[in-house]
Amino acid sequence: MRLPETIEIDDPPTFDMGDRVRVLKLIRNDGTFPGKEVGTPLAKKGDIGYIVGIGTYLQRAYIYSVHFLESNYVVGCLGRELELTEDRPPLIAQDDDHTG
C-alpha cells in the first residue's frame, strides 16, 4: 500500500460514521481479513457499504471500516478507494428565512 506524501490525519476525515459509500476499485485481502486467503476479493468495484468505524494507519492516513451488507464483510478501506453515494444532510437544520 503506497500512501501519499501528505499526512492525511492533519485534516478531519473525509467520511463520517454512517455515510453510504461506493468502492472505486477491487479490494482484495492483504492478509488482515481473518479466515480468507491473501488475495481473495472482499469488495468489487461499485459495491455499496456504510462507514462503521474510522481509524488510522501509520499515523498518516485514515482507514475507514466499511460494512458491505451484501457480503456482510467489514473491510478497511483508504479514503481514495471510496466515494460518497449521497449528499449528507446538514447536522443542524438550516432556516432559509432570514427575515428574522
Protein backbone atom coordinates (compact mmCIF):
# COMPACT_ATOMS: atom_id res chain seq x y z
CA MET A 1 0.00 0.00 0.00
CA ARG A 2 1.52 3.29 -1.09
CA LEU A 3 0.49 6.31 0.96
CA PRO A 4 0.51 9.90 -0.30
CA GLU A 5 3.31 12.22 0.85
CA THR A 6 0.85 14.40 2.78
CA ILE A 7 -0.26 13.47 6.28
CA GLU A 8 -3.98 12.94 5.81
CA ILE A 9 -4.80 12.88 9.54
CA ASP A 10 -3.78 16.54 9.86
CA ASP A 11 -7.27 17.21 8.43
CA PRO A 12 -10.65 15.84 9.52
CA PRO A 13 -11.78 12.53 7.98
CA THR A 14 -13.34 12.72 4.52
CA PHE A 15 -16.22 10.45 5.56
CA ASP A 16 -18.37 10.28 8.69
CA MET A 17 -19.84 7.37 10.61
CA GLY A 18 -22.92 6.07 8.81
CA ASP A 19 -22.01 7.53 5.41
CA ARG A 20 -23.11 5.42 2.45
CA VAL A 21 -20.09 4.87 0.19
CA ARG A 22 -19.15 3.10 -3.05
CA VAL A 23 -15.86 1.28 -3.63
CA LEU A 24 -13.88 2.64 -6.59
CA LYS A 25 -11.68 -0.44 -7.11
CA LEU A 26 -11.50 -4.14 -6.35
CA ILE A 27 -10.44 -4.66 -2.71
CA ARG A 28 -8.52 -7.88 -2.01
CA ASN A 29 -7.44 -9.40 1.29
CA ASP A 30 -3.95 -8.12 2.10
CA GLY A 31 -3.66 -10.61 4.93
CA THR A 32 -5.55 -8.56 7.51
CA PHE A 33 -9.00 -10.10 6.91
CA PRO A 34 -9.32 -13.24 9.06
CA GLY A 35 -10.49 -16.52 7.57
CA LYS A 36 -9.81 -15.61 3.93
CA GLU A 37 -6.73 -16.34 1.84
CA VAL A 38 -4.46 -13.45 0.86
CA GLY A 39 -5.65 -12.09 -2.49
CA THR A 40 -9.28 -13.13 -2.03
CA PRO A 41 -11.65 -10.40 -3.31
CA LEU A 42 -13.53 -8.75 -0.42
CA ALA A 43 -15.36 -5.96 -2.28
CA LYS A 44 -15.87 -5.42 -6.00
CA LYS A 45 -15.70 -2.06 -7.75
CA GLY A 46 -19.11 -0.42 -7.31
CA ASP A 47 -20.11 -2.29 -4.14
CA ILE A 48 -22.05 -0.16 -1.64
CA GLY A 49 -21.40 -0.10 2.09
CA TYR A 50 -21.63 2.05 5.21
CA ILE A 51 -18.86 3.58 7.30
CA VAL A 52 -18.94 1.82 10.70
CA GLY A 53 -15.53 2.84 12.02
CA ILE A 54 -12.71 5.31 11.44
CA GLY A 55 -9.12 4.52 12.39
CA THR A 56 -5.65 5.48 11.26
CA TYR A 57 -2.79 3.74 9.50
CA LEU A 58 0.82 4.57 10.46
CA GLN A 59 -0.38 7.89 11.90
CA ARG A 60 -0.64 9.16 8.31
CA ALA A 61 -3.89 8.05 6.69
CA TYR A 62 -7.46 7.32 7.72
CA ILE A 63 -8.73 3.77 7.39
CA TYR A 64 -12.50 3.50 7.07
CA SER A 65 -14.21 0.32 8.23
CA VAL A 66 -16.93 -0.26 5.65
CA HIS A 67 -19.75 -2.74 6.24
CA PHE A 68 -20.83 -4.22 2.93
CA LEU A 69 -24.36 -5.50 3.55
CA GLU A 70 -24.47 -7.84 0.54
CA SER A 71 -21.40 -9.85 1.65
CA ASN A 72 -21.73 -8.94 5.35
CA TYR A 73 -17.97 -8.17 5.36
CA VAL A 74 -16.46 -5.25 7.26
CA VAL A 75 -13.41 -4.18 5.25
CA GLY A 76 -10.81 -1.49 5.91
CA CYS A 77 -10.51 0.98 3.02
CA LEU A 78 -8.48 4.10 2.33
CA GLY A 79 -10.39 7.28 1.55
CA ARG A 80 -9.11 7.31 -2.04
CA GLU A 81 -10.76 3.91 -2.57
CA LEU A 82 -14.22 5.28 -1.70
CA GLU A 83 -16.75 7.84 -2.84
CA LEU A 84 -19.85 9.19 -1.10
CA THR A 85 -23.04 7.89 -2.74
CA GLU A 86 -25.45 10.51 -1.44
CA ASP A 87 -25.37 14.06 -0.18
CA ARG A 88 -25.01 14.47 3.55
CA PRO A 89 -27.88 16.17 5.33
CA PRO A 90 -26.79 19.18 7.40
CA LEU A 91 -26.01 18.35 11.04
CA ILE A 92 -28.15 21.32 12.10
CA ALA A 93 -31.27 22.22 10.14
CA GLN A 94 -30.82 25.49 8.27
CA ASP A 95 -33.55 28.14 8.30
CA ASP A 96 -33.74 29.67 4.82
CA ASP A 97 -35.95 32.51 6.08
CA HIS A 98 -33.52 35.31 7.01
CA THR A 99 -36.21 37.94 7.74
CA GLY A 100 -35.97 37.09 11.46
